[in-house]
């Protein structure tokens, strides 16, 4: 019975690895679509209209990577869009105690301006292929964060697979 249980565990780990390899191919497809759409936009607008000369002089990142360690000790990565706050950031800005009555406060201006859409660097009416490139790269970034999380799980899964294979070799019925 333990032998069949081990086989089930191995097959479920193999399915997990196949699913992760599919995610890698999805990531590659999104990045390829992004570069192809960017090439189409350069062709439509002209090679000099889409390039580093049109970038803003001061660029702010649209997304950043958040990390944490899960309960099982594996690293987890995710994308945080600009302008959104993590619960830790929100809690540190708000006061713990509030007065019920008091002087009316003037709202403090927000120190971080709203994120600007980088497509506006290239003009108001940009080709659809440039918007497609931006969307493909955004999806690619999300998949890259997922893949970074999965990479730690893959390493863990490989060690589990090796342990299960060793156990199965010990439990395998010996031929007389």
C-alpha atoms as a PDB file:
ATOM      1  CA  UNK A   1       0.000   0.000   0.000  1.00  0.00           C
ATOM      2  CA  UNK A   2       2.845   2.400   0.788  1.00  0.00           C
ATOM      3  CA  UNK A   3       4.313   1.649  -2.628  1.00  0.00           C
ATOM      4  CA  UNK A   4       1.141   2.868  -4.417  1.00  0.00           C
ATOM      5  CA  UNK A   5       0.916   5.895  -2.146  1.00  0.00           C
ATOM      6  CA  UNK A   6       4.459   6.815  -3.148  1.00  0.00           C
ATOM      7  CA  UNK A   7       3.586   6.412  -6.827  1.00  0.00           C
ATOM      8  CA  UNK A   8       0.611   8.747  -6.362  1.00  0.00           C
ATOM      9  CA  UNK A   9       2.830  11.339  -4.684  1.00  0.00           C
ATOM     10  CA  UNK A  10       5.368  11.133  -7.503  1.00  0.00           C
ATOM     11  CA  UNK A  11       2.693  11.506 -10.187  1.00  0.00           C
ATOM     12  CA  UNK A  12       1.182  14.541  -8.446  1.00  0.00           C
ATOM     13  CA  UNK A  13       4.626  16.167  -8.231  1.00  0.00           C
ATOM     14  CA  UNK A  14       5.227  15.480 -11.922  1.00  0.00           C
ATOM     15  CA  UNK A  15       1.897  17.110 -12.818  1.00  0.00           C
ATOM     16  CA  UNK A  16       2.948  20.097 -10.707  1.00  0.00           C
ATOM     17  CA  UNK A  17       6.226  20.346 -12.667  1.00  0.00           C
ATOM     18  CA  UNK A  18       4.388  20.147 -15.996  1.00  0.00           C
ATOM     19  CA  UNK A  19       2.042  22.944 -14.917  1.00  0.00           C
ATOM     20  CA  UNK A  20       5.037  25.098 -13.986  1.00  0.00           C
ATOM     21  CA  UNK A  21       6.705  24.453 -17.333  1.00  0.00           C
ATOM     22  CA  UNK A  22       3.484  25.624 -19.017  1.00  0.00           C
ATOM     23  CA  UNK A  23       3.663  28.858 -17.023  1.00  0.00           C
ATOM     24  CA  UNK A  24       7.207  29.365 -18.283  1.00  0.00           C
ATOM     25  CA  UNK A  25       6.001  28.994 -21.870  1.00  0.00           C
ATOM     26  CA  UNK A  26       3.165  31.494 -21.174  1.00  0.00           C
ATOM     27  CA  UNK A  27       5.720  33.967 -19.833  1.00  0.00           C
ATOM     28  CA  UNK A  28       7.878  33.564 -22.935  1.00  0.00           C
ATOM     29  CA  UNK A  29       4.842  34.012 -25.181  1.00  0.00           C
ATOM     30  CA  UNK A  30       3.808  37.259 -23.423  1.00  0.00           C
ATOM     31  CA  UNK A  31       7.305  38.720 -23.694  1.00  0.00           C
ATOM     32  CA  UNK A  32       7.539  37.735 -27.374  1.00  0.00           C
ATOM     33  CA  UNK A  33       4.132  39.330 -28.035  1.00  0.00           C
ATOM     34  CA  UNK A  34       5.325  42.489 -26.290  1.00  0.00           C
ATOM     35  CA  UNK A  35       8.452  42.771 -28.433  1.00  0.00           C
ATOM     36  CA  UNK A  36       6.484  42.046 -31.605  1.00  0.00           C
ATOM     37  CA  UNK A  37       3.884  44.707 -30.749  1.00  0.00           C
ATOM     38  CA  UNK A  38       6.667  47.160 -29.938  1.00  0.00           C
ATOM     39  CA  UNK A  39       8.203  46.465 -33.355  1.00  0.00           C
ATOM     40  CA  UNK A  40       4.835  47.087 -35.012  1.00  0.00           C
ATOM     41  CA  UNK A  41       4.511  50.392 -33.136  1.00  0.00           C
ATOM     42  CA  UNK A  42       8.006  51.456 -34.241  1.00  0.00           C
ATOM     43  CA  UNK A  43       7.066  50.620 -37.816  1.00  0.00           C
ATOM     44  CA  UNK A  44       3.757  52.525 -37.604  1.00  0.00           C
ATOM     45  CA  UNK A  45       5.155  55.620 -35.859  1.00  0.00           C
ATOM     46  CA  UNK A  46       8.659  55.608 -37.294  1.00  0.00           C
ATOM     47  CA  UNK A  47      11.844  54.288 -35.739  1.00  0.00           C
ATOM     48  CA  UNK A  48      12.743  57.670 -34.217  1.00  0.00           C
ATOM     49  CA  UNK A  49       9.310  58.120 -32.611  1.00  0.00           C
ATOM     50  CA  UNK A  50       9.549  55.096 -30.332  1.00  0.00           C
ATOM     51  CA  UNK A  51      12.854  55.008 -28.530  1.00  0.00           C
ATOM     52  CA  UNK A  52      14.876  56.203 -25.555  1.00  0.00           C
ATOM     53  CA  UNK A  53      14.721  59.853 -26.648  1.00  0.00           C
ATOM     54  CA  UNK A  54      11.000  59.918 -25.837  1.00  0.00           C
ATOM     55  CA  UNK A  55      11.419  58.617 -22.297  1.00  0.00           C
ATOM     56  CA  UNK A  56      10.640  61.003 -19.451  1.00  0.00           C
ATOM     57  CA  UNK A  57      13.617  62.686 -17.818  1.00  0.00           C
ATOM     58  CA  UNK A  58      12.536  61.368 -14.416  1.00  0.00           C
ATOM     59  CA  UNK A  59      10.919  57.930 -14.467  1.00  0.00           C
ATOM     60  CA  UNK A  60       9.103  56.286 -11.576  1.00  0.00           C
ATOM     61  CA  UNK A  61       8.446  52.533 -11.537  1.00  0.00           C
ATOM     62  CA  UNK A  62       4.870  51.474 -12.249  1.00  0.00           C
ATOM     63  CA  UNK A  63       5.226  48.270 -10.231  1.00  0.00           C
ATOM     64  CA  UNK A  64       7.505  46.866  -7.593  1.00  0.00           C
ATOM     65  CA  UNK A  65       8.094  43.402  -6.234  1.00  0.00           C
ATOM     66  CA  UNK A  66       6.834  42.401  -2.808  1.00  0.00           C
ATOM     67  CA  UNK A  67       8.384  39.455  -1.009  1.00  0.00           C
ATOM     68  CA  UNK A  68       7.528  37.438   2.052  1.00  0.00           C
ATOM     69  CA  UNK A  69       8.390  34.110   3.537  1.00  0.00           C
ATOM     70  CA  UNK A  70       5.550  31.611   3.741  1.00  0.00           C
ATOM     71  CA  UNK A  71       4.914  29.388   6.755  1.00  0.00           C
ATOM     72  CA  UNK A  72       6.657  26.483   5.061  1.00  0.00           C
ATOM     73  CA  UNK A  73       9.816  28.588   4.649  1.00  0.00           C
ATOM     74  CA  UNK A  74       9.456  29.203   0.912  1.00  0.00           C
ATOM     75  CA  UNK A  75       9.807  32.681  -0.590  1.00  0.00           C
ATOM     76  CA  UNK A  76       6.720  34.242  -2.165  1.00  0.00           C
ATOM     77  CA  UNK A  77       6.867  37.103  -4.682  1.00  0.00           C
ATOM     78  CA  UNK A  78       4.076  39.327  -6.014  1.00  0.00           C
ATOM     79  CA  UNK A  79       3.624  42.546  -7.957  1.00  0.00           C
ATOM     80  CA  UNK A  80       2.553  45.769  -6.227  1.00  0.00           C
ATOM     81  CA  UNK A  81       1.251  48.518  -8.505  1.00  0.00           C
ATOM     82  CA  UNK A  82       2.380  52.106  -7.958  1.00  0.00           C
ATOM     83  CA  UNK A  83      -0.015  54.024  -5.744  1.00  0.00           C
ATOM     84  CA  UNK A  84      -1.261  50.976  -3.868  1.00  0.00           C
ATOM     85  CA  UNK A  85      -0.185  50.457  -0.307  1.00  0.00           C
ATOM     86  CA  UNK A  86       0.564  47.362   1.670  1.00  0.00           C
ATOM     87  CA  UNK A  87      -1.216  46.948   5.028  1.00  0.00           C
ATOM     88  CA  UNK A  88       2.032  47.789   6.833  1.00  0.00           C
ATOM     89  CA  UNK A  89       2.275  51.156   5.053  1.00  0.00           C
ATOM     90  CA  UNK A  90      -1.348  52.060   5.756  1.00  0.00           C
ATOM     91  CA  UNK A  91      -1.082  51.198   9.430  1.00  0.00           C
ATOM     92  CA  UNK A  92       2.035  53.289   9.975  1.00  0.00           C
ATOM     93  CA  UNK A  93       0.461  56.452   8.549  1.00  0.00           C
ATOM     94  CA  UNK A  94      -2.720  56.407  10.602  1.00  0.00           C
ATOM     95  CA  UNK A  95      -2.669  57.437  14.227  1.00  0.00           C
ATOM     96  CA  UNK A  96      -3.618  54.803  16.763  1.00  0.00           C
ATOM     97  CA  UNK A  97      -5.854  57.134  18.796  1.00  0.00           C
ATOM     98  CA  UNK A  98      -8.257  59.698  17.386  1.00  0.00           C
ATOM     99  CA  UNK A  99      -9.855  62.625  19.193  1.00  0.00           C
ATOM    100  CA  UNK A 100     -13.584  62.968  18.898  1.00  0.00           C
ATOM    101  CA  UNK A 101     -13.609  66.746  19.025  1.00  0.00           C
ATOM    102  CA  UNK A 102     -10.902  69.130  18.201  1.00  0.00           C
ATOM    103  CA  UNK A 103      -9.646  71.611  15.724  1.00  0.00           C
ATOM    104  CA  UNK A 104     -10.451  70.786  12.145  1.00  0.00           C
ATOM    105  CA  UNK A 105      -7.364  69.538  10.395  1.00  0.00           C
ATOM    106  CA  UNK A 106      -6.400  70.558   6.942  1.00  0.00           C
ATOM    107  CA  UNK A 107      -5.699  67.559   4.774  1.00  0.00           C
ATOM    108  CA  UNK A 108      -2.030  67.105   3.998  1.00  0.00           C
ATOM    109  CA  UNK A 109      -1.211  66.989   0.323  1.00  0.00           C
ATOM    110  CA  UNK A 110      -0.178  63.566  -0.833  1.00  0.00           C
ATOM    111  CA  UNK A 111       3.574  63.478  -1.269  1.00  0.00           C
ATOM    112  CA  UNK A 112       3.453  60.922  -4.075  1.00  0.00           C
ATOM    113  CA  UNK A 113       1.841  62.114  -7.310  1.00  0.00           C
ATOM    114  CA  UNK A 114      -0.420  59.812  -9.268  1.00  0.00           C
ATOM    115  CA  UNK A 115       1.548  57.502 -11.548  1.00  0.00           C
ATOM    116  CA  UNK A 116       1.740  58.699 -15.131  1.00  0.00           C
ATOM    117  CA  UNK A 117       1.001  56.387 -18.015  1.00  0.00           C
ATOM    118  CA  UNK A 118       4.279  55.909 -19.921  1.00  0.00           C
ATOM    119  CA  UNK A 119       2.387  55.741 -23.221  1.00  0.00           C
ATOM    120  CA  UNK A 120       1.909  59.517 -22.988  1.00  0.00           C
ATOM    121  CA  UNK A 121       5.653  59.934 -23.540  1.00  0.00           C
ATOM    122  CA  UNK A 122       5.041  58.941 -27.147  1.00  0.00           C
ATOM    123  CA  UNK A 123       2.128  61.302 -27.778  1.00  0.00           C
ATOM    124  CA  UNK A 124      -1.603  61.432 -27.208  1.00  0.00           C
ATOM    125  CA  UNK A 125      -2.730  59.199 -30.059  1.00  0.00           C
ATOM    126  CA  UNK A 126      -0.464  56.175 -29.942  1.00  0.00           C
ATOM    127  CA  UNK A 127      -0.985  53.117 -32.143  1.00  0.00           C
ATOM    128  CA  UNK A 128      -2.904  50.174 -30.780  1.00  0.00           C
ATOM    129  CA  UNK A 129       0.189  47.994 -31.101  1.00  0.00           C
ATOM    130  CA  UNK A 130       1.973  50.169 -28.513  1.00  0.00           C
ATOM    131  CA  UNK A 131      -0.904  49.633 -26.074  1.00  0.00           C
ATOM    132  CA  UNK A 132      -0.762  45.902 -26.828  1.00  0.00           C
ATOM    133  CA  UNK A 133       2.974  45.908 -26.101  1.00  0.00           C
ATOM    134  CA  UNK A 134       2.371  47.582 -22.743  1.00  0.00           C
ATOM    135  CA  UNK A 135      -0.338  45.063 -21.838  1.00  0.00           C
ATOM    136  CA  UNK A 136       1.836  42.112 -22.885  1.00  0.00           C
ATOM    137  CA  UNK A 137       4.777  43.333 -20.827  1.00  0.00           C
ATOM    138  CA  UNK A 138       2.504  43.904 -17.814  1.00  0.00           C
ATOM    139  CA  UNK A 139       1.198  40.341 -18.080  1.00  0.00           C
ATOM    140  CA  UNK A 140       4.768  39.167 -18.480  1.00  0.00           C
ATOM    141  CA  UNK A 141       5.778  40.981 -15.297  1.00  0.00           C
ATOM    142  CA  UNK A 142       2.962  39.339 -13.366  1.00  0.00           C
ATOM    143  CA  UNK A 143       3.930  35.936 -14.720  1.00  0.00           C
ATOM    144  CA  UNK A 144       7.583  36.632 -13.853  1.00  0.00           C
ATOM    145  CA  UNK A 145       6.625  37.291 -10.233  1.00  0.00           C
ATOM    146  CA  UNK A 146       4.597  34.085 -10.208  1.00  0.00           C
ATOM    147  CA  UNK A 147       7.537  32.220 -11.715  1.00  0.00           C
ATOM    148  CA  UNK A 148       9.910  33.567  -9.066  1.00  0.00           C
ATOM    149  CA  UNK A 149       7.584  32.175  -6.406  1.00  0.00           C
ATOM    150  CA  UNK A 150       7.274  28.903  -8.257  1.00  0.00           C
ATOM    151  CA  UNK A 151      11.031  28.551  -8.622  1.00  0.00           C
ATOM    152  CA  UNK A 152      11.410  28.125  -4.874  1.00  0.00           C
ATOM    153  CA  UNK A 153       8.558  25.621  -4.924  1.00  0.00           C
ATOM    154  CA  UNK A 154      10.188  23.722  -7.797  1.00  0.00           C
ATOM    155  CA  UNK A 155      13.401  23.404  -5.827  1.00  0.00           C
ATOM    156  CA  UNK A 156      11.397  22.142  -2.859  1.00  0.00           C
ATOM    157  CA  UNK A 157       9.457  19.767  -5.134  1.00  0.00           C
ATOM    158  CA  UNK A 158      12.637  18.302  -6.602  1.00  0.00           C
ATOM    159  CA  UNK A 159      13.938  17.475  -3.160  1.00  0.00           C
ATOM    160  CA  UNK A 160      10.573  15.891  -2.287  1.00  0.00           C
ATOM    161  CA  UNK A 161      10.653  13.882  -5.519  1.00  0.00           C
ATOM    162  CA  UNK A 162      14.138  12.566  -4.795  1.00  0.00           C
ATOM    163  CA  UNK A 163      13.099  11.570  -1.269  1.00  0.00           C
ATOM    164  CA  UNK A 164      10.021   9.748  -2.593  1.00  0.00           C
ATOM    165  CA  UNK A 165      12.068   7.921  -5.219  1.00  0.00           C
ATOM    166  CA  UNK A 166      14.499   6.737  -2.552  1.00  0.00           C
ATOM    167  CA  UNK A 167      11.599   5.541  -0.367  1.00  0.00           C
ATOM    168  CA  UNK A 168      10.055   3.691  -3.322  1.00  0.00           C
ATOM    169  CA  UNK A 169      13.329   1.942  -4.045  1.00  0.00           C
ATOM    170  CA  UNK A 170      13.371   0.711  -0.459  1.00  0.00           C
ATOM    171  CA  UNK A 171       9.722  -0.422  -0.571  1.00  0.00           C
ATOM    172  CA  UNK A 172       9.917  -1.997  -4.031  1.00  0.00           C
ATOM    173  CA  UNK A 173       9.290  -5.748  -3.872  1.00  0.00           C
ATOM    174  CA  UNK A 174      12.495  -7.626  -4.552  1.00  0.00           C
ATOM    175  CA  UNK A 175      12.512 -10.424  -7.119  1.00  0.00           C
ATOM    176  CA  UNK A 176      13.753 -13.779  -5.713  1.00  0.00           C
END
